[in-house]
Amino acid sequence: VWTLGGRTLPTALVGPGRYRGEGAELWVLWVDDGFRTAVVGTPDGAFGWIMDRPGAAAPDRLTAAREMLDFNGYALAR
């Protein structure tokens, strides 16, 4: 189950780090060792984002997360 914008979306695990729900698929691209920062995106590269707990990523984790998006072909300028 994903929660997005206050909505709970039912999802199904379709592979390691791969989730499908409501016609969309989300991939977990990277998570730091402490599970504080994660990079999630759509398989086609159209949409990706960085999630962090408790809300502000440390500079080193933010750099690593951005590098993972870039490495996987996501347009950082968008």
PDB file of N, CA and C in Angstrom:
ATOM      1  N   VAL A   1       0.850  -1.182   0.000  1.00  0.00           N
ATOM      2  CA  VAL A   1       0.000   0.000   0.000  1.00  0.00           C
ATOM      3  C   VAL A   1       0.886   1.233   0.000  1.00  0.00           C
ATOM      4  N   TRP A   2       0.638   2.136  -0.929  1.00  0.00           N
ATOM      5  CA  TRP A   2       1.330   3.424  -0.980  1.00  0.00           C
ATOM      6  C   TRP A   2       0.364   4.496  -0.517  1.00  0.00           C
ATOM      7  N   THR A   3       0.860   5.489   0.174  1.00  0.00           N
ATOM      8  CA  THR A   3       0.063   6.652   0.523  1.00  0.00           C
ATOM      9  C   THR A   3       0.627   7.836  -0.247  1.00  0.00           C
ATOM     10  N   LEU A   4      -0.202   8.471  -1.051  1.00  0.00           N
ATOM     11  CA  LEU A   4       0.226   9.568  -1.903  1.00  0.00           C
ATOM     12  C   LEU A   4      -0.790  10.693  -1.799  1.00  0.00           C
ATOM     13  N   GLY A   5      -0.346  11.850  -1.348  1.00  0.00           N
ATOM     14  CA  GLY A   5      -1.239  13.002  -1.228  1.00  0.00           C
ATOM     15  C   GLY A   5      -2.429  12.733  -0.328  1.00  0.00           C
ATOM     16  N   GLY A   6      -2.211  11.968   0.735  1.00  0.00           N
ATOM     17  CA  GLY A   6      -3.287  11.651   1.652  1.00  0.00           C
ATOM     18  C   GLY A   6      -4.189  10.518   1.203  1.00  0.00           C
ATOM     19  N   ARG A   7      -3.952   9.991  -0.005  1.00  0.00           N
ATOM     20  CA  ARG A   7      -4.737   8.866  -0.519  1.00  0.00           C
ATOM     21  C   ARG A   7      -3.965   7.581  -0.323  1.00  0.00           C
ATOM     22  N   THR A   8      -4.651   6.542   0.059  1.00  0.00           N
ATOM     23  CA  THR A   8      -4.051   5.219   0.158  1.00  0.00           C
ATOM     24  C   THR A   8      -4.322   4.475  -1.140  1.00  0.00           C
ATOM     25  N   LEU A   9      -3.237   4.015  -1.773  1.00  0.00           N
ATOM     26  CA  LEU A   9      -3.372   3.329  -3.048  1.00  0.00           C
ATOM     27  C   LEU A   9      -3.007   1.859  -2.875  1.00  0.00           C
ATOM     28  N   PRO A  10      -3.922   0.950  -3.181  1.00  0.00           N
ATOM     29  CA  PRO A  10      -3.573  -0.467  -3.104  1.00  0.00           C
ATOM     30  C   PRO A  10      -2.538  -0.804  -4.170  1.00  0.00           C
ATOM     31  N   THR A  11      -1.540  -1.541  -3.783  1.00  0.00           N
ATOM     32  CA  THR A  11      -0.481  -1.927  -4.711  1.00  0.00           C
ATOM     33  C   THR A  11      -0.174  -3.405  -4.563  1.00  0.00           C
ATOM     34  N   ALA A  12       0.463  -3.942  -5.589  1.00  0.00           N
ATOM     35  CA  ALA A  12       0.897  -5.338  -5.555  1.00  0.00           C
ATOM     36  C   ALA A  12       2.397  -5.366  -5.823  1.00  0.00           C
ATOM     37  N   LEU A  13       3.093  -6.177  -5.076  1.00  0.00           N
ATOM     38  CA  LEU A  13       4.510  -6.395  -5.302  1.00  0.00           C
ATOM     39  C   LEU A  13       4.648  -7.300  -6.517  1.00  0.00           C
ATOM     40  N   VAL A  14       5.332  -6.814  -7.567  1.00  0.00           N
ATOM     41  CA  VAL A  14       5.457  -7.600  -8.795  1.00  0.00           C
ATOM     42  C   VAL A  14       6.895  -8.052  -9.048  1.00  0.00           C
ATOM     43  N   GLY A  15       7.795  -7.698  -8.165  1.00  0.00           N
ATOM     44  CA  GLY A  15       9.192  -8.090  -8.259  1.00  0.00           C
ATOM     45  C   GLY A  15       9.973  -7.358  -7.182  1.00  0.00           C
ATOM     46  N   PRO A  16      11.247  -7.656  -7.039  1.00  0.00           N
ATOM     47  CA  PRO A  16      12.043  -6.965  -6.022  1.00  0.00           C
ATOM     48  C   PRO A  16      12.057  -5.452  -6.259  1.00  0.00           C
ATOM     49  N   GLY A  17      11.491  -4.707  -5.335  1.00  0.00           N
ATOM     50  CA  GLY A  17      11.439  -3.253  -5.461  1.00  0.00           C
ATOM     51  C   GLY A  17      10.524  -2.749  -6.549  1.00  0.00           C
ATOM     52  N   ARG A  18       9.608  -3.580  -7.025  1.00  0.00           N
ATOM     53  CA  ARG A  18       8.690  -3.225  -8.112  1.00  0.00           C
ATOM     54  C   ARG A  18       7.251  -3.360  -7.622  1.00  0.00           C
ATOM     55  N   TYR A  19       6.491  -2.276  -7.767  1.00  0.00           N
ATOM     56  CA  TYR A  19       5.108  -2.250  -7.287  1.00  0.00           C
ATOM     57  C   TYR A  19       4.196  -1.771  -8.395  1.00  0.00           C
ATOM     58  N   ARG A  20       2.985  -2.326  -8.458  1.00  0.00           N
ATOM     59  CA  ARG A  20       1.995  -1.922  -9.444  1.00  0.00           C
ATOM     60  C   ARG A  20       0.692  -1.616  -8.730  1.00  0.00           C
ATOM     61  N   GLY A  21       0.065  -0.525  -9.140  1.00  0.00           N
ATOM     62  CA  GLY A  21      -1.233  -0.156  -8.578  1.00  0.00           C
ATOM     63  C   GLY A  21      -1.889   0.916  -9.409  1.00  0.00           C
ATOM     64  N   GLU A  22      -3.181   0.822  -9.574  1.00  0.00           N
ATOM     65  CA  GLU A  22      -3.981   1.790 -10.330  1.00  0.00           C
ATOM     66  C   GLU A  22      -3.375   2.103 -11.693  1.00  0.00           C
ATOM     67  N   GLY A  23      -2.920   1.077 -12.406  1.00  0.00           N
ATOM     68  CA  GLY A  23      -2.421   1.252 -13.754  1.00  0.00           C
ATOM     69  C   GLY A  23      -1.017   1.819 -13.859  1.00  0.00           C
ATOM     70  N   ALA A  24      -0.356   2.046 -12.745  1.00  0.00           N
ATOM     71  CA  ALA A  24       0.998   2.582 -12.764  1.00  0.00           C
ATOM     72  C   ALA A  24       1.948   1.612 -12.084  1.00  0.00           C
ATOM     73  N   GLU A  25       3.197   1.657 -12.501  1.00  0.00           N
ATOM     74  CA  GLU A  25       4.212   0.841 -11.855  1.00  0.00           C
ATOM     75  C   GLU A  25       5.265   1.765 -11.265  1.00  0.00           C
ATOM     76  N   LEU A  26       5.707   1.464 -10.058  1.00  0.00           N
ATOM     77  CA  LEU A  26       6.736   2.236  -9.374  1.00  0.00           C
ATOM     78  C   LEU A  26       7.890   1.322  -9.037  1.00  0.00           C
ATOM     79  N   TRP A  27       9.100   1.818  -9.244  1.00  0.00           N
ATOM     80  CA  TRP A  27      10.299   1.067  -8.931  1.00  0.00           C
ATOM     81  C   TRP A  27      11.072   1.770  -7.828  1.00  0.00           C
ATOM     82  N   VAL A  28      11.504   1.028  -6.838  1.00  0.00           N
ATOM     83  CA  VAL A  28      12.417   1.557  -5.833  1.00  0.00           C
ATOM     84  C   VAL A  28      13.815   1.394  -6.434  1.00  0.00           C
ATOM     85  N   LEU A  29      14.462   2.500  -6.737  1.00  0.00           N
ATOM     86  CA  LEU A  29      15.753   2.488  -7.414  1.00  0.00           C
ATOM     87  C   LEU A  29      16.929   2.425  -6.446  1.00  0.00           C
ATOM     88  N   TRP A  30      16.751   2.980  -5.265  1.00  0.00           N
ATOM     89  CA  TRP A  30      17.844   3.041  -4.295  1.00  0.00           C
ATOM     90  C   TRP A  30      17.295   3.401  -2.922  1.00  0.00           C
ATOM     91  N   VAL A  31      17.889   2.823  -1.895  1.00  0.00           N
ATOM     92  CA  VAL A  31      17.586   3.165  -0.498  1.00  0.00           C
ATOM     93  C   VAL A  31      18.915   3.193   0.244  1.00  0.00           C
ATOM     94  N   ASP A  32      19.120   4.195   1.107  1.00  0.00           N
ATOM     95  CA  ASP A  32      20.369   4.240   1.849  1.00  0.00           C
ATOM     96  C   ASP A  32      20.377   3.161   2.933  1.00  0.00           C
ATOM     97  N   ASP A  33      21.549   2.905   3.498  1.00  0.00           N
ATOM     98  CA  ASP A  33      21.705   1.822   4.477  1.00  0.00           C
ATOM     99  C   ASP A  33      20.777   1.942   5.671  1.00  0.00           C
ATOM    100  N   GLY A  34      20.447   3.161   6.082  1.00  0.00           N
ATOM    101  CA  GLY A  34      19.576   3.359   7.244  1.00  0.00           C
ATOM    102  C   GLY A  34      18.110   3.486   6.893  1.00  0.00           C
ATOM    103  N   PHE A  35      17.750   3.281   5.635  1.00  0.00           N
ATOM    104  CA  PHE A  35      16.365   3.405   5.155  1.00  0.00           C
ATOM    105  C   PHE A  35      15.777   4.775   5.497  1.00  0.00           C
ATOM    106  N   ARG A  36      16.606   5.828   5.402  1.00  0.00           N
ATOM    107  CA  ARG A  36      16.137   7.193   5.645  1.00  0.00           C
ATOM    108  C   ARG A  36      15.804   7.905   4.347  1.00  0.00           C
ATOM    109  N   THR A  37      16.513   7.557   3.278  1.00  0.00           N
ATOM    110  CA  THR A  37      16.328   8.207   1.982  1.00  0.00           C
ATOM    111  C   THR A  37      16.103   7.133   0.922  1.00  0.00           C
ATOM    112  N   ALA A  38      15.130   7.369   0.048  1.00  0.00           N
ATOM    113  CA  ALA A  38      14.829   6.422  -1.025  1.00  0.00           C
ATOM    114  C   ALA A  38      14.622   7.180  -2.326  1.00  0.00           C
ATOM    115  N   VAL A  39      14.930   6.507  -3.430  1.00  0.00           N
ATOM    116  CA  VAL A  39      14.673   7.038  -4.766  1.00  0.00           C
ATOM    117  C   VAL A  39      13.649   6.109  -5.416  1.00  0.00           C
ATOM    118  N   VAL A  40      12.546   6.684  -5.884  1.00  0.00           N
ATOM    119  CA  VAL A  40      11.454   5.924  -6.487  1.00  0.00           C
ATOM    120  C   VAL A  40      11.145   6.548  -7.844  1.00  0.00           C
ATOM    121  N   GLY A  41      10.808   5.724  -8.824  1.00  0.00           N
ATOM    122  CA  GLY A  41      10.464   6.267 -10.129  1.00  0.00           C
ATOM    123  C   GLY A  41       9.619   5.314 -10.938  1.00  0.00           C
ATOM    124  N   THR A  42       9.116   5.822 -12.048  1.00  0.00           N
ATOM    125  CA  THR A  42       8.374   4.999 -12.992  1.00  0.00           C
ATOM    126  C   THR A  42       9.376   4.323 -13.918  1.00  0.00           C
ATOM    127  N   PRO A  43       9.070   3.122 -14.408  1.00  0.00           N
ATOM    128  CA  PRO A  43      10.025   2.394 -15.246  1.00  0.00           C
ATOM    129  C   PRO A  43      10.400   3.114 -16.542  1.00  0.00           C
ATOM    130  N   ASP A  44       9.520   3.953 -17.060  1.00  0.00           N
ATOM    131  CA  ASP A  44       9.825   4.651 -18.315  1.00  0.00           C
ATOM    132  C   ASP A  44      10.671   5.907 -18.106  1.00  0.00           C
ATOM    133  N   GLY A  45      10.972   6.243 -16.853  1.00  0.00           N
ATOM    134  CA  GLY A  45      11.802   7.403 -16.556  1.00  0.00           C
ATOM    135  C   GLY A  45      11.072   8.731 -16.599  1.00  0.00           C
ATOM    136  N   ALA A  46       9.753   8.706 -16.797  1.00  0.00           N
ATOM    137  CA  ALA A  46       8.987   9.939 -16.910  1.00  0.00           C
ATOM    138  C   ALA A  46       8.840  10.672 -15.575  1.00  0.00           C
ATOM    139  N   PHE A  47       8.896   9.935 -14.472  1.00  0.00           N
ATOM    140  CA  PHE A  47       8.659  10.546 -13.171  1.00  0.00           C
ATOM    141  C   PHE A  47       9.503   9.839 -12.129  1.00  0.00           C
ATOM    142  N   GLY A  48      10.257  10.592 -11.361  1.00  0.00           N
ATOM    143  CA  GLY A  48      11.043  10.037 -10.276  1.00  0.00           C
ATOM    144  C   GLY A  48      11.126  11.041  -9.149  1.00  0.00           C
ATOM    145  N   TRP A  49      11.299  10.542  -7.947  1.00  0.00           N
ATOM    146  CA  TRP A  49      11.409  11.459  -6.823  1.00  0.00           C
ATOM    147  C   TRP A  49      12.250  10.863  -5.714  1.00  0.00           C
ATOM    148  N   ILE A  50      12.691  11.779  -4.840  1.00  0.00           N
ATOM    149  CA  ILE A  50      13.494  11.413  -3.677  1.00  0.00           C
ATOM    150  C   ILE A  50      12.607  11.571  -2.454  1.00  0.00           C
ATOM    151  N   MET A  51      12.552  10.509  -1.653  1.00  0.00           N
ATOM    152  CA  MET A  51      11.788  10.560  -0.401  1.00  0.00           C
ATOM    153  C   MET A  51      12.782  10.479   0.752  1.00  0.00           C
ATOM    154  N   ASP A  52      12.502  11.211   1.827  1.00  0.00           N
ATOM    155  CA  ASP A  52      13.411  11.206   2.961  1.00  0.00           C
ATOM    156  C   ASP A  52      12.643  11.280   4.273  1.00  0.00           C
ATOM    157  N   ARG A  53      13.202  10.589   5.288  1.00  0.00           N
ATOM    158  CA  ARG A  53      12.697  10.709   6.653  1.00  0.00           C
ATOM    159  C   ARG A  53      13.777  11.389   7.455  1.00  0.00           C
ATOM    160  N   PRO A  54      13.516  12.258   8.288  1.00  0.00           N
ATOM    161  CA  PRO A  54      12.245  12.838   8.708  1.00  0.00           C
ATOM    162  C   PRO A  54      11.766  14.008   7.874  1.00  0.00           C
ATOM    163  N   GLY A  55      12.352  14.260   6.723  1.00  0.00           N
ATOM    164  CA  GLY A  55      11.821  15.313   5.872  1.00  0.00           C
ATOM    165  C   GLY A  55      12.883  16.133   5.168  1.00  0.00           C
ATOM    166  N   ALA A  56      14.110  16.098   5.640  1.00  0.00           N
ATOM    167  CA  ALA A  56      15.180  16.845   4.988  1.00  0.00           C
ATOM    168  C   ALA A  56      16.395  15.932   4.851  1.00  0.00           C
ATOM    169  N   ALA A  57      16.774  15.661   3.624  1.00  0.00           N
ATOM    170  CA  ALA A  57      17.890  14.745   3.380  1.00  0.00           C
ATOM    171  C   ALA A  57      19.211  15.394   3.760  1.00  0.00           C
ATOM    172  N   ALA A  58      20.096  14.622   4.345  1.00  0.00           N
ATOM    173  CA  ALA A  58      21.454  15.084   4.593  1.00  0.00           C
ATOM    174  C   ALA A  58      22.117  15.304   3.231  1.00  0.00           C
ATOM    175  N   PRO A  59      23.024  16.266   3.130  1.00  0.00           N
ATOM    176  CA  PRO A  59      23.632  16.567   1.828  1.00  0.00           C
ATOM    177  C   PRO A  59      24.253  15.356   1.131  1.00  0.00           C
ATOM    178  N   ASP A  60      24.917  14.475   1.858  1.00  0.00           N
ATOM    179  CA  ASP A  60      25.535  13.312   1.210  1.00  0.00           C
ATOM    180  C   ASP A  60      24.495  12.346   0.669  1.00  0.00           C
ATOM    181  N   ARG A  61      23.392  12.151   1.388  1.00  0.00           N
ATOM    182  CA  ARG A  61      22.341  11.252   0.902  1.00  0.00           C
ATOM    183  C   ARG A  61      21.602  11.877  -0.275  1.00  0.00           C
ATOM    184  N   LEU A  62      21.388  13.178  -0.236  1.00  0.00           N
ATOM    185  CA  LEU A  62      20.726  13.860  -1.347  1.00  0.00           C
ATOM    186  C   LEU A  62      21.587  13.767  -2.611  1.00  0.00           C
ATOM    187  N   THR A  63      22.895  13.935  -2.476  1.00  0.00           N
ATOM    188  CA  THR A  63      23.802  13.797  -3.614  1.00  0.00           C
ATOM    189  C   THR A  63      23.737  12.382  -4.181  1.00  0.00           C
ATOM    190  N   ALA A  64      23.791  11.383  -3.308  1.00  0.00           N
ATOM    191  CA  ALA A  64      23.717   9.987  -3.756  1.00  0.00           C
ATOM    192  C   ALA A  64      22.388   9.709  -4.452  1.00  0.00           C
ATOM    193  N   ALA A  65      21.300  10.225  -3.912  1.00  0.00           N
ATOM    194  CA  ALA A  65      19.976  10.007  -4.502  1.00  0.00           C
ATOM    195  C   ALA A  65      19.888  10.641  -5.888  1.00  0.00           C
ATOM    196  N   ARG A  66      20.393  11.856  -6.027  1.00  0.00           N
ATOM    197  CA  ARG A  66      20.381  12.522  -7.333  1.00  0.00           C
ATOM    198  C   ARG A  66      21.246  11.761  -8.333  1.00  0.00           C
ATOM    199  N   GLU A  67      22.388  11.237  -7.879  1.00  0.00           N
ATOM    200  CA  GLU A  67      23.244  10.445  -8.753  1.00  0.00           C
ATOM    201  C   GLU A  67      22.526   9.186  -9.238  1.00  0.00           C
ATOM    202  N   MET A  68      21.719   8.580  -8.377  1.00  0.00           N
ATOM    203  CA  MET A  68      20.975   7.380  -8.770  1.00  0.00           C
ATOM    204  C   MET A  68      19.917   7.715  -9.817  1.00  0.00           C
ATOM    205  N   LEU A  69      19.229   8.844  -9.654  1.00  0.00           N
ATOM    206  CA  LEU A  69      18.263   9.258 -10.671  1.00  0.00           C
ATOM    207  C   LEU A  69      18.969   9.506 -12.005  1.00  0.00           C
ATOM    208  N   ASP A  70      20.092  10.205 -11.970  1.00  0.00           N
ATOM    209  CA  ASP A  70      20.847  10.490 -13.187  1.00  0.00           C
ATOM    210  C   ASP A  70      21.346   9.196 -13.834  1.00  0.00           C
ATOM    211  N   PHE A  71      21.908   8.301 -13.035  1.00  0.00           N
ATOM    212  CA  PHE A  71      22.426   7.023 -13.535  1.00  0.00           C
ATOM    213  C   PHE A  71      21.339   6.217 -14.235  1.00  0.00           C
ATOM    214  N   ASN A  72      20.112   6.300 -13.727  1.00  0.00           N
ATOM    215  CA  ASN A  72      18.995   5.536 -14.290  1.00  0.00           C
ATOM    216  C   ASN A  72      18.263   6.286 -15.402  1.00  0.00           C
ATOM    217  N   GLY A  73      18.796   7.424 -15.841  1.00  0.00           N
ATOM    218  CA  GLY A  73      18.249   8.127 -17.002  1.00  0.00           C
ATOM    219  C   GLY A  73      17.143   9.126 -16.732  1.00  0.00           C
ATOM    220  N   TYR A  74      16.932   9.499 -15.486  1.00  0.00           N
ATOM    221  CA  TYR A  74      15.897  10.474 -15.162  1.00  0.00           C
ATOM    222  C   TYR A  74      16.451  11.879 -15.403  1.00  0.00           C
ATOM    223  N   ALA A  75      15.645  12.781 -15.952  1.00  0.00           N
ATOM    224  CA  ALA A  75      16.069  14.137 -16.273  1.00  0.00           C
ATOM    225  C   ALA A  75      16.032  14.991 -15.001  1.00  0.00           C
ATOM    226  N   LEU A  76      17.206  15.280 -14.452  1.00  0.00           N
ATOM    227  CA  LEU A  76      17.272  16.032 -13.203  1.00  0.00           C
ATOM    228  C   LEU A  76      16.826  17.482 -13.372  1.00  0.00           C
ATOM    229  N   ALA A  77      16.946  18.012 -14.562  1.00  0.00           N
ATOM    230  CA  ALA A  77      16.554  19.411 -14.795  1.00  0.00           C
ATOM    231  C   ALA A  77      15.051  19.624 -14.662  1.00  0.00           C
ATOM    232  N   ARG A  78      14.289  18.532 -14.818  1.00  0.00           N
ATOM    233  CA  ARG A  78      12.836  18.675 -14.703  1.00  0.00           C
ATOM    234  C   ARG A  78      12.479  18.695 -13.256  1.00  0.00           C
TER     235      ARG A  78
END
